[in-house]
mmCIF file of all heavy atoms, coordinates in Angstrom:
data_MODEL
# 
_entry.id   MODEL 
# 
loop_
_atom_site.group_PDB 
_atom_site.id 
_atom_site.type_symbol 
_atom_site.label_atom_id 
_atom_site.label_alt_id 
_atom_site.label_comp_id 
_atom_site.label_asym_id 
_atom_site.label_entity_id 
_atom_site.label_seq_id 
_atom_site.pdbx_PDB_ins_code 
_atom_site.Cartn_x 
_atom_site.Cartn_y 
_atom_site.Cartn_z 
_atom_site.occupancy 
_atom_site.B_iso_or_equiv 
_atom_site.pdbx_formal_charge 
_atom_site.auth_seq_id 
_atom_site.auth_comp_id 
_atom_site.auth_asym_id 
_atom_site.auth_atom_id 
_atom_site.pdbx_PDB_model_num 
ATOM 1   N N   . ALA A 1 1  ? 160.828 251.393 193.692 1.00 0.00 ? 1  ALA A N   1 
ATOM 2   C CA  . ALA A 1 1  ? 160.103 250.198 193.243 1.00 0.00 ? 1  ALA A CA  1 
ATOM 3   C C   . ALA A 1 1  ? 159.917 249.206 194.390 1.00 0.00 ? 1  ALA A C   1 
ATOM 4   O O   . ALA A 1 1  ? 158.823 248.645 194.554 1.00 0.00 ? 1  ALA A O   1 
ATOM 5   C CB  . ALA A 1 1  ? 160.859 249.538 192.090 1.00 0.00 ? 1  ALA A CB  1 
ATOM 6   N N   . VAL A 1 2  ? 160.947 249.007 195.193 1.00 0.00 ? 2  VAL A N   1 
ATOM 7   C CA  . VAL A 1 2  ? 160.838 248.089 196.333 1.00 0.00 ? 2  VAL A CA  1 
ATOM 8   C C   . VAL A 1 2  ? 159.807 248.603 197.327 1.00 0.00 ? 2  VAL A C   1 
ATOM 9   O O   . VAL A 1 2  ? 158.954 247.845 197.806 1.00 0.00 ? 2  VAL A O   1 
ATOM 10  C CB  . VAL A 1 2  ? 162.215 247.895 197.010 1.00 0.00 ? 2  VAL A CB  1 
ATOM 11  C CG1 . VAL A 1 2  ? 162.079 247.245 198.375 1.00 0.00 ? 2  VAL A CG1 1 
ATOM 12  C CG2 . VAL A 1 2  ? 163.123 247.065 196.118 1.00 0.00 ? 2  VAL A CG2 1 
ATOM 13  N N   . THR A 1 3  ? 159.864 249.888 197.627 1.00 0.00 ? 3  THR A N   1 
ATOM 14  C CA  . THR A 1 3  ? 158.915 250.462 198.584 1.00 0.00 ? 3  THR A CA  1 
ATOM 15  C C   . THR A 1 3  ? 157.479 250.314 198.090 1.00 0.00 ? 3  THR A C   1 
ATOM 16  O O   . THR A 1 3  ? 156.610 249.853 198.829 1.00 0.00 ? 3  THR A O   1 
ATOM 17  C CB  . THR A 1 3  ? 159.237 251.950 198.832 1.00 0.00 ? 3  THR A CB  1 
ATOM 18  O OG1 . THR A 1 3  ? 160.571 252.065 199.310 1.00 0.00 ? 3  THR A OG1 1 
ATOM 19  C CG2 . THR A 1 3  ? 158.280 252.561 199.837 1.00 0.00 ? 3  THR A CG2 1 
ATOM 20  N N   . VAL A 1 4  ? 157.236 250.692 196.846 1.00 0.00 ? 4  VAL A N   1 
ATOM 21  C CA  . VAL A 1 4  ? 155.880 250.630 196.296 1.00 0.00 ? 4  VAL A CA  1 
ATOM 22  C C   . VAL A 1 4  ? 155.386 249.186 196.241 1.00 0.00 ? 4  VAL A C   1 
ATOM 23  O O   . VAL A 1 4  ? 154.247 248.884 196.629 1.00 0.00 ? 4  VAL A O   1 
ATOM 24  C CB  . VAL A 1 4  ? 155.826 251.304 194.910 1.00 0.00 ? 4  VAL A CB  1 
ATOM 25  C CG1 . VAL A 1 4  ? 154.506 251.031 194.204 1.00 0.00 ? 4  VAL A CG1 1 
ATOM 26  C CG2 . VAL A 1 4  ? 156.059 252.797 195.048 1.00 0.00 ? 4  VAL A CG2 1 
ATOM 27  N N   . ALA A 1 5  ? 156.241 248.283 195.771 1.00 0.00 ? 5  ALA A N   1 
ATOM 28  C CA  . ALA A 1 5  ? 155.833 246.874 195.671 1.00 0.00 ? 5  ALA A CA  1 
ATOM 29  C C   . ALA A 1 5  ? 155.488 246.305 197.035 1.00 0.00 ? 5  ALA A C   1 
ATOM 30  O O   . ALA A 1 5  ? 154.487 245.580 197.183 1.00 0.00 ? 5  ALA A O   1 
ATOM 31  C CB  . ALA A 1 5  ? 156.950 246.051 195.023 1.00 0.00 ? 5  ALA A CB  1 
ATOM 32  N N   . LEU A 1 6  ? 156.286 246.633 198.054 1.00 0.00 ? 6  LEU A N   1 
ATOM 33  C CA  . LEU A 1 6  ? 156.013 246.108 199.393 1.00 0.00 ? 6  LEU A CA  1 
ATOM 34  C C   . LEU A 1 6  ? 154.787 246.763 200.025 1.00 0.00 ? 6  LEU A C   1 
ATOM 35  O O   . LEU A 1 6  ? 154.043 246.110 200.752 1.00 0.00 ? 6  LEU A O   1 
ATOM 36  C CB  . LEU A 1 6  ? 157.247 246.259 200.284 1.00 0.00 ? 6  LEU A CB  1 
ATOM 37  C CG  . LEU A 1 6  ? 158.427 245.354 199.908 1.00 0.00 ? 6  LEU A CG  1 
ATOM 38  C CD1 . LEU A 1 6  ? 159.639 245.655 200.788 1.00 0.00 ? 6  LEU A CD1 1 
ATOM 39  C CD2 . LEU A 1 6  ? 158.044 243.894 200.017 1.00 0.00 ? 6  LEU A CD2 1 
ATOM 40  N N   . VAL A 1 7  ? 154.559 248.046 199.740 1.00 0.00 ? 7  VAL A N   1 
ATOM 41  C CA  . VAL A 1 7  ? 153.352 248.702 200.245 1.00 0.00 ? 7  VAL A CA  1 
ATOM 42  C C   . VAL A 1 7  ? 152.121 248.023 199.652 1.00 0.00 ? 7  VAL A C   1 
ATOM 43  O O   . VAL A 1 7  ? 151.168 247.697 200.363 1.00 0.00 ? 7  VAL A O   1 
ATOM 44  C CB  . VAL A 1 7  ? 153.360 250.216 199.923 1.00 0.00 ? 7  VAL A CB  1 
ATOM 45  C CG1 . VAL A 1 7  ? 151.968 250.822 200.088 1.00 0.00 ? 7  VAL A CG1 1 
ATOM 46  C CG2 . VAL A 1 7  ? 154.348 250.944 200.814 1.00 0.00 ? 7  VAL A CG2 1 
ATOM 47  N N   . TYR A 1 8  ? 152.145 247.789 198.349 1.00 0.00 ? 8  TYR A N   1 
ATOM 48  C CA  . TYR A 1 8  ? 151.003 247.125 197.705 1.00 0.00 ? 8  TYR A CA  1 
ATOM 49  C C   . TYR A 1 8  ? 150.848 245.680 198.146 1.00 0.00 ? 8  TYR A C   1 
ATOM 50  O O   . TYR A 1 8  ? 149.766 245.114 198.063 1.00 0.00 ? 8  TYR A O   1 
ATOM 51  C CB  . TYR A 1 8  ? 151.112 247.203 196.178 1.00 0.00 ? 8  TYR A CB  1 
ATOM 52  C CG  . TYR A 1 8  ? 150.624 248.510 195.638 1.00 0.00 ? 8  TYR A CG  1 
ATOM 53  C CD1 . TYR A 1 8  ? 151.490 249.381 195.007 1.00 0.00 ? 8  TYR A CD1 1 
ATOM 54  C CD2 . TYR A 1 8  ? 149.283 248.886 195.775 1.00 0.00 ? 8  TYR A CD2 1 
ATOM 55  C CE1 . TYR A 1 8  ? 151.046 250.600 194.518 1.00 0.00 ? 8  TYR A CE1 1 
ATOM 56  C CE2 . TYR A 1 8  ? 148.830 250.100 195.296 1.00 0.00 ? 8  TYR A CE2 1 
ATOM 57  C CZ  . TYR A 1 8  ? 149.718 250.950 194.663 1.00 0.00 ? 8  TYR A CZ  1 
ATOM 58  O OH  . TYR A 1 8  ? 149.277 252.158 194.187 1.00 0.00 ? 8  TYR A OH  1 
ATOM 59  N N   . SER A 1 9  ? 151.930 245.087 198.650 1.00 0.00 ? 9  SER A N   1 
ATOM 60  C CA  . SER A 1 9  ? 151.860 243.703 199.154 1.00 0.00 ? 9  SER A CA  1 
ATOM 61  C C   . SER A 1 9  ? 151.428 243.650 200.612 1.00 0.00 ? 9  SER A C   1 
ATOM 62  O O   . SER A 1 9  ? 151.343 242.574 201.196 1.00 0.00 ? 9  SER A O   1 
ATOM 63  C CB  . SER A 1 9  ? 153.210 243.014 198.987 1.00 0.00 ? 9  SER A CB  1 
ATOM 64  O OG  . SER A 1 9  ? 153.551 242.919 197.622 1.00 0.00 ? 9  SER A OG  1 
ATOM 65  N N   . GLY A 1 10 ? 151.222 244.828 201.223 1.00 0.00 ? 10 GLY A N   1 
ATOM 66  C CA  . GLY A 1 10 ? 150.701 244.873 202.582 1.00 0.00 ? 10 GLY A CA  1 
ATOM 67  C C   . GLY A 1 10 ? 151.734 244.863 203.685 1.00 0.00 ? 10 GLY A C   1 
ATOM 68  O O   . GLY A 1 10 ? 151.402 244.550 204.827 1.00 0.00 ? 10 GLY A O   1 
ATOM 69  N N   . TYR A 1 11 ? 152.964 245.265 203.409 1.00 0.00 ? 11 TYR A N   1 
ATOM 70  C CA  . TYR A 1 11 ? 154.008 245.228 204.439 1.00 0.00 ? 11 TYR A CA  1 
ATOM 71  C C   . TYR A 1 11 ? 154.089 246.502 205.282 1.00 0.00 ? 11 TYR A C   1 
ATOM 72  O O   . TYR A 1 11 ? 154.907 246.578 206.191 1.00 0.00 ? 11 TYR A O   1 
ATOM 73  C CB  . TYR A 1 11 ? 155.372 244.921 203.807 1.00 0.00 ? 11 TYR A CB  1 
ATOM 74  C CG  . TYR A 1 11 ? 155.494 243.472 203.410 1.00 0.00 ? 11 TYR A CG  1 
ATOM 75  C CD1 . TYR A 1 11 ? 155.181 243.058 202.127 1.00 0.00 ? 11 TYR A CD1 1 
ATOM 76  C CD2 . TYR A 1 11 ? 155.897 242.524 204.332 1.00 0.00 ? 11 TYR A CD2 1 
ATOM 77  C CE1 . TYR A 1 11 ? 155.281 241.736 201.768 1.00 0.00 ? 11 TYR A CE1 1 
ATOM 78  C CE2 . TYR A 1 11 ? 155.997 241.193 203.978 1.00 0.00 ? 11 TYR A CE2 1 
ATOM 79  C CZ  . TYR A 1 11 ? 155.694 240.804 202.694 1.00 0.00 ? 11 TYR A CZ  1 
ATOM 80  O OH  . TYR A 1 11 ? 155.791 239.490 202.341 1.00 0.00 ? 11 TYR A OH  1 
ATOM 81  N N   . GLY A 1 12 ? 153.296 247.486 205.014 1.00 0.00 ? 12 GLY A N   1 
ATOM 82  C CA  . GLY A 1 12 ? 153.205 248.678 205.855 1.00 0.00 ? 12 GLY A CA  1 
ATOM 83  C C   . GLY A 1 12 ? 154.522 249.407 206.041 1.00 0.00 ? 12 GLY A C   1 
ATOM 84  O O   . GLY A 1 12 ? 155.249 249.666 205.085 1.00 0.00 ? 12 GLY A O   1 
ATOM 85  N N   . LEU A 1 13 ? 154.831 249.732 207.296 1.00 0.00 ? 13 LEU A N   1 
ATOM 86  C CA  . LEU A 1 13 ? 156.045 250.486 207.605 1.00 0.00 ? 13 LEU A CA  1 
ATOM 87  C C   . LEU A 1 13 ? 157.321 249.744 207.233 1.00 0.00 ? 13 LEU A C   1 
ATOM 88  O O   . LEU A 1 13 ? 158.343 250.370 206.939 1.00 0.00 ? 13 LEU A O   1 
ATOM 89  C CB  . LEU A 1 13 ? 156.071 250.832 209.098 1.00 0.00 ? 13 LEU A CB  1 
ATOM 90  C CG  . LEU A 1 13 ? 155.052 251.863 209.558 1.00 0.00 ? 13 LEU A CG  1 
ATOM 91  C CD1 . LEU A 1 13 ? 155.094 252.009 211.074 1.00 0.00 ? 13 LEU A CD1 1 
ATOM 92  C CD2 . LEU A 1 13 ? 155.290 253.192 208.896 1.00 0.00 ? 13 LEU A CD2 1 
ATOM 93  N N   . THR A 1 14 ? 157.266 248.437 207.201 1.00 0.00 ? 14 THR A N   1 
ATOM 94  C CA  . THR A 1 14 ? 158.434 247.661 206.795 1.00 0.00 ? 14 THR A CA  1 
ATOM 95  C C   . THR A 1 14 ? 158.807 247.981 205.352 1.00 0.00 ? 14 THR A C   1 
ATOM 96  O O   . THR A 1 14 ? 159.974 247.907 204.974 1.00 0.00 ? 14 THR A O   1 
ATOM 97  C CB  . THR A 1 14 ? 158.166 246.153 206.980 1.00 0.00 ? 14 THR A CB  1 
ATOM 98  O OG1 . THR A 1 14 ? 157.809 245.928 208.348 1.00 0.00 ? 14 THR A OG1 1 
ATOM 99  C CG2 . THR A 1 14 ? 159.367 245.317 206.629 1.00 0.00 ? 14 THR A CG2 1 
ATOM 100 N N   . SER A 1 15 ? 157.838 248.374 204.545 1.00 0.00 ? 15 SER A N   1 
ATOM 101 C CA  . SER A 1 15 ? 158.104 248.767 203.156 1.00 0.00 ? 15 SER A CA  1 
ATOM 102 C C   . SER A 1 15 ? 159.045 249.956 203.102 1.00 0.00 ? 15 SER A C   1 
ATOM 103 O O   . SER A 1 15 ? 159.969 249.995 202.283 1.00 0.00 ? 15 SER A O   1 
ATOM 104 C CB  . SER A 1 15 ? 156.808 249.138 202.449 1.00 0.00 ? 15 SER A CB  1 
ATOM 105 O OG  . SER A 1 15 ? 155.851 248.125 202.577 1.00 0.00 ? 15 SER A OG  1 
ATOM 106 N N   . LEU A 1 16 ? 158.806 250.926 203.959 1.00 0.00 ? 16 LEU A N   1 
ATOM 107 C CA  . LEU A 1 16 ? 159.679 252.107 203.998 1.00 0.00 ? 16 LEU A CA  1 
ATOM 108 C C   . LEU A 1 16 ? 161.088 251.728 204.427 1.00 0.00 ? 16 LEU A C   1 
ATOM 109 O O   . LEU A 1 16 ? 162.073 252.230 203.870 1.00 0.00 ? 16 LEU A O   1 
ATOM 110 C CB  . LEU A 1 16 ? 159.097 253.160 204.944 1.00 0.00 ? 16 LEU A CB  1 
ATOM 111 C CG  . LEU A 1 16 ? 157.772 253.772 204.548 1.00 0.00 ? 16 LEU A CG  1 
ATOM 112 C CD1 . LEU A 1 16 ? 157.277 254.702 205.645 1.00 0.00 ? 16 LEU A CD1 1 
ATOM 113 C CD2 . LEU A 1 16 ? 157.901 254.505 203.230 1.00 0.00 ? 16 LEU A CD2 1 
ATOM 114 N N   . ALA A 1 17 ? 161.183 250.862 205.411 1.00 0.00 ? 17 ALA A N   1 
ATOM 115 C CA  . ALA A 1 17 ? 162.503 250.426 205.879 1.00 0.00 ? 17 ALA A CA  1 
ATOM 116 C C   . ALA A 1 17 ? 163.241 249.685 204.771 1.00 0.00 ? 17 ALA A C   1 
ATOM 117 O O   . ALA A 1 17 ? 164.427 249.931 204.534 1.00 0.00 ? 17 ALA A O   1 
ATOM 118 C CB  . ALA A 1 17 ? 162.351 249.537 207.112 1.00 0.00 ? 17 ALA A CB  1 
ATOM 119 N N   . ALA A 1 18 ? 162.559 248.799 204.072 1.00 0.00 ? 18 ALA A N   1 
ATOM 120 C CA  . ALA A 1 18 ? 163.198 248.030 203.005 1.00 0.00 ? 18 ALA A CA  1 
ATOM 121 C C   . ALA A 1 18 ? 163.647 248.933 201.863 1.00 0.00 ? 18 ALA A C   1 
ATOM 122 O O   . ALA A 1 18 ? 164.759 248.774 201.335 1.00 0.00 ? 18 ALA A O   1 
ATOM 123 C CB  . ALA A 1 18 ? 162.246 246.950 202.498 1.00 0.00 ? 18 ALA A CB  1 
ATOM 124 N N   . GLY A 1 19 ? 162.825 249.881 201.483 1.00 0.00 ? 19 GLY A N   1 
ATOM 125 C CA  . GLY A 1 19 ? 163.216 250.832 200.439 1.00 0.00 ? 19 GLY A CA  1 
ATOM 126 C C   . GLY A 1 19 ? 164.420 251.646 200.847 1.00 0.00 ? 19 GLY A C   1 
ATOM 127 O O   . GLY A 1 19 ? 165.327 251.899 200.046 1.00 0.00 ? 19 GLY A O   1 
ATOM 128 N N   . TRP A 1 20 ? 164.444 252.072 202.098 1.00 0.00 ? 20 TRP A N   1 
ATOM 129 C CA  . TRP A 1 20 ? 165.588 252.827 202.604 1.00 0.00 ? 20 TRP A CA  1 
ATOM 130 C C   . TRP A 1 20 ? 166.854 251.972 202.569 1.00 0.00 ? 20 TRP A C   1 
ATOM 131 O O   . TRP A 1 20 ? 167.925 252.460 202.199 1.00 0.00 ? 20 TRP A O   1 
ATOM 132 C CB  . TRP A 1 20 ? 165.308 253.319 204.024 1.00 0.00 ? 20 TRP A CB  1 
ATOM 133 C CG  . TRP A 1 20 ? 166.431 254.128 204.577 1.00 0.00 ? 20 TRP A CG  1 
ATOM 134 C CD1 . TRP A 1 20 ? 166.618 255.478 204.420 1.00 0.00 ? 20 TRP A CD1 1 
ATOM 135 C CD2 . TRP A 1 20 ? 167.526 253.652 205.352 1.00 0.00 ? 20 TRP A CD2 1 
ATOM 136 N NE1 . TRP A 1 20 ? 167.780 255.853 205.060 1.00 0.00 ? 20 TRP A NE1 1 
ATOM 137 C CE2 . TRP A 1 20 ? 168.353 254.755 205.638 1.00 0.00 ? 20 TRP A CE2 1 
ATOM 138 C CE3 . TRP A 1 20 ? 167.892 252.403 205.832 1.00 0.00 ? 20 TRP A CE3 1 
ATOM 139 C CZ2 . TRP A 1 20 ? 169.518 254.644 206.384 1.00 0.00 ? 20 TRP A CZ2 1 
ATOM 140 C CZ3 . TRP A 1 20 ? 169.057 252.297 206.575 1.00 0.00 ? 20 TRP A CZ3 1 
ATOM 141 C CH2 . TRP A 1 20 ? 169.854 253.405 206.847 1.00 0.00 ? 20 TRP A CH2 1 
ATOM 142 N N   . VAL A 1 21 ? 166.728 250.709 202.952 1.00 0.00 ? 21 VAL A N   1 
ATOM 143 C CA  . VAL A 1 21 ? 167.888 249.803 202.946 1.00 0.00 ? 21 VAL A CA  1 
ATOM 144 C C   . VAL A 1 21 ? 168.441 249.684 201.528 1.00 0.00 ? 21 VAL A C   1 
ATOM 145 O O   . VAL A 1 21 ? 169.660 249.755 201.325 1.00 0.00 ? 21 VAL A O   1 
ATOM 146 C CB  . VAL A 1 21 ? 167.519 248.418 203.515 1.00 0.00 ? 21 VAL A CB  1 
ATOM 147 C CG1 . VAL A 1 21 ? 168.623 247.407 203.265 1.00 0.00 ? 21 VAL A CG1 1 
ATOM 148 C CG2 . VAL A 1 21 ? 167.234 248.521 205.010 1.00 0.00 ? 21 VAL A CG2 1 
ATOM 149 N N   . VAL A 1 22 ? 167.567 249.515 200.554 1.00 0.00 ? 22 VAL A N   1 
ATOM 150 C CA  . VAL A 1 22 ? 168.031 249.442 199.160 1.00 0.00 ? 22 VAL A CA  1 
ATOM 151 C C   . VAL A 1 22 ? 168.765 250.733 198.786 1.00 0.00 ? 22 VAL A C   1 
ATOM 152 O O   . VAL A 1 22 ? 169.838 250.694 198.177 1.00 0.00 ? 22 VAL A O   1 
ATOM 153 C CB  . VAL A 1 22 ? 166.844 249.180 198.199 1.00 0.00 ? 22 VAL A CB  1 
ATOM 154 C CG1 . VAL A 1 22 ? 167.259 249.361 196.745 1.00 0.00 ? 22 VAL A CG1 1 
ATOM 155 C CG2 . VAL A 1 22 ? 166.290 247.788 198.431 1.00 0.00 ? 22 VAL A CG2 1 
ATOM 156 N N   . GLY A 1 23 ? 168.206 251.866 199.180 1.00 0.00 ? 23 GLY A N   1 
ATOM 157 C CA  . GLY A 1 23 ? 168.813 253.154 198.878 1.00 0.00 ? 23 GLY A CA  1 
ATOM 158 C C   . GLY A 1 23 ? 170.169 253.362 199.520 1.00 0.00 ? 23 GLY A C   1 
ATOM 159 O O   . GLY A 1 23 ? 170.997 254.126 199.010 1.00 0.00 ? 23 GLY A O   1 
ATOM 160 N N   . GLN A 1 24 ? 170.430 252.709 200.628 1.00 0.00 ? 24 GLN A N   1 
ATOM 161 C CA  . GLN A 1 24 ? 171.718 252.829 201.306 1.00 0.00 ? 24 GLN A CA  1 
ATOM 162 C C   . GLN A 1 24 ? 172.714 251.768 200.843 1.00 0.00 ? 24 GLN A C   1 
ATOM 163 O O   . GLN A 1 24 ? 173.889 252.059 200.642 1.00 0.00 ? 24 GLN A O   1 
ATOM 164 C CB  . GLN A 1 24 ? 171.533 252.716 202.826 1.00 0.00 ? 24 GLN A CB  1 
ATOM 165 C CG  . GLN A 1 24 ? 170.734 253.822 203.442 1.00 0.00 ? 24 GLN A CG  1 
ATOM 166 C CD  . GLN A 1 24 ? 171.405 255.161 203.271 1.00 0.00 ? 24 GLN A CD  1 
ATOM 167 O OE1 . GLN A 1 24 ? 172.553 255.350 203.628 1.00 0.00 ? 24 GLN A OE1 1 
ATOM 168 N NE2 . GLN A 1 24 ? 170.689 256.107 202.676 1.00 0.00 ? 24 GLN A NE2 1 
ATOM 169 N N   . ALA A 1 25 ? 172.249 250.542 200.709 1.00 0.00 ? 25 ALA A N   1 
ATOM 170 C CA  . ALA A 1 25 ? 173.157 249.426 200.444 1.00 0.00 ? 25 ALA A CA  1 
ATOM 171 C C   . ALA A 1 25 ? 173.630 249.381 198.992 1.00 0.00 ? 25 ALA A C   1 
ATOM 172 O O   . ALA A 1 25 ? 174.809 249.128 198.735 1.00 0.00 ? 25 ALA A O   1 
ATOM 173 C CB  . ALA A 1 25 ? 172.480 248.106 200.817 1.00 0.00 ? 25 ALA A CB  1 
# 
């Protein structure tokens, strides 16, 4: 959800990083 929301908000590659962080933390 974080990755998709950030991609649709225009954050590009940072969306993938943020989604990964959620998945780890």
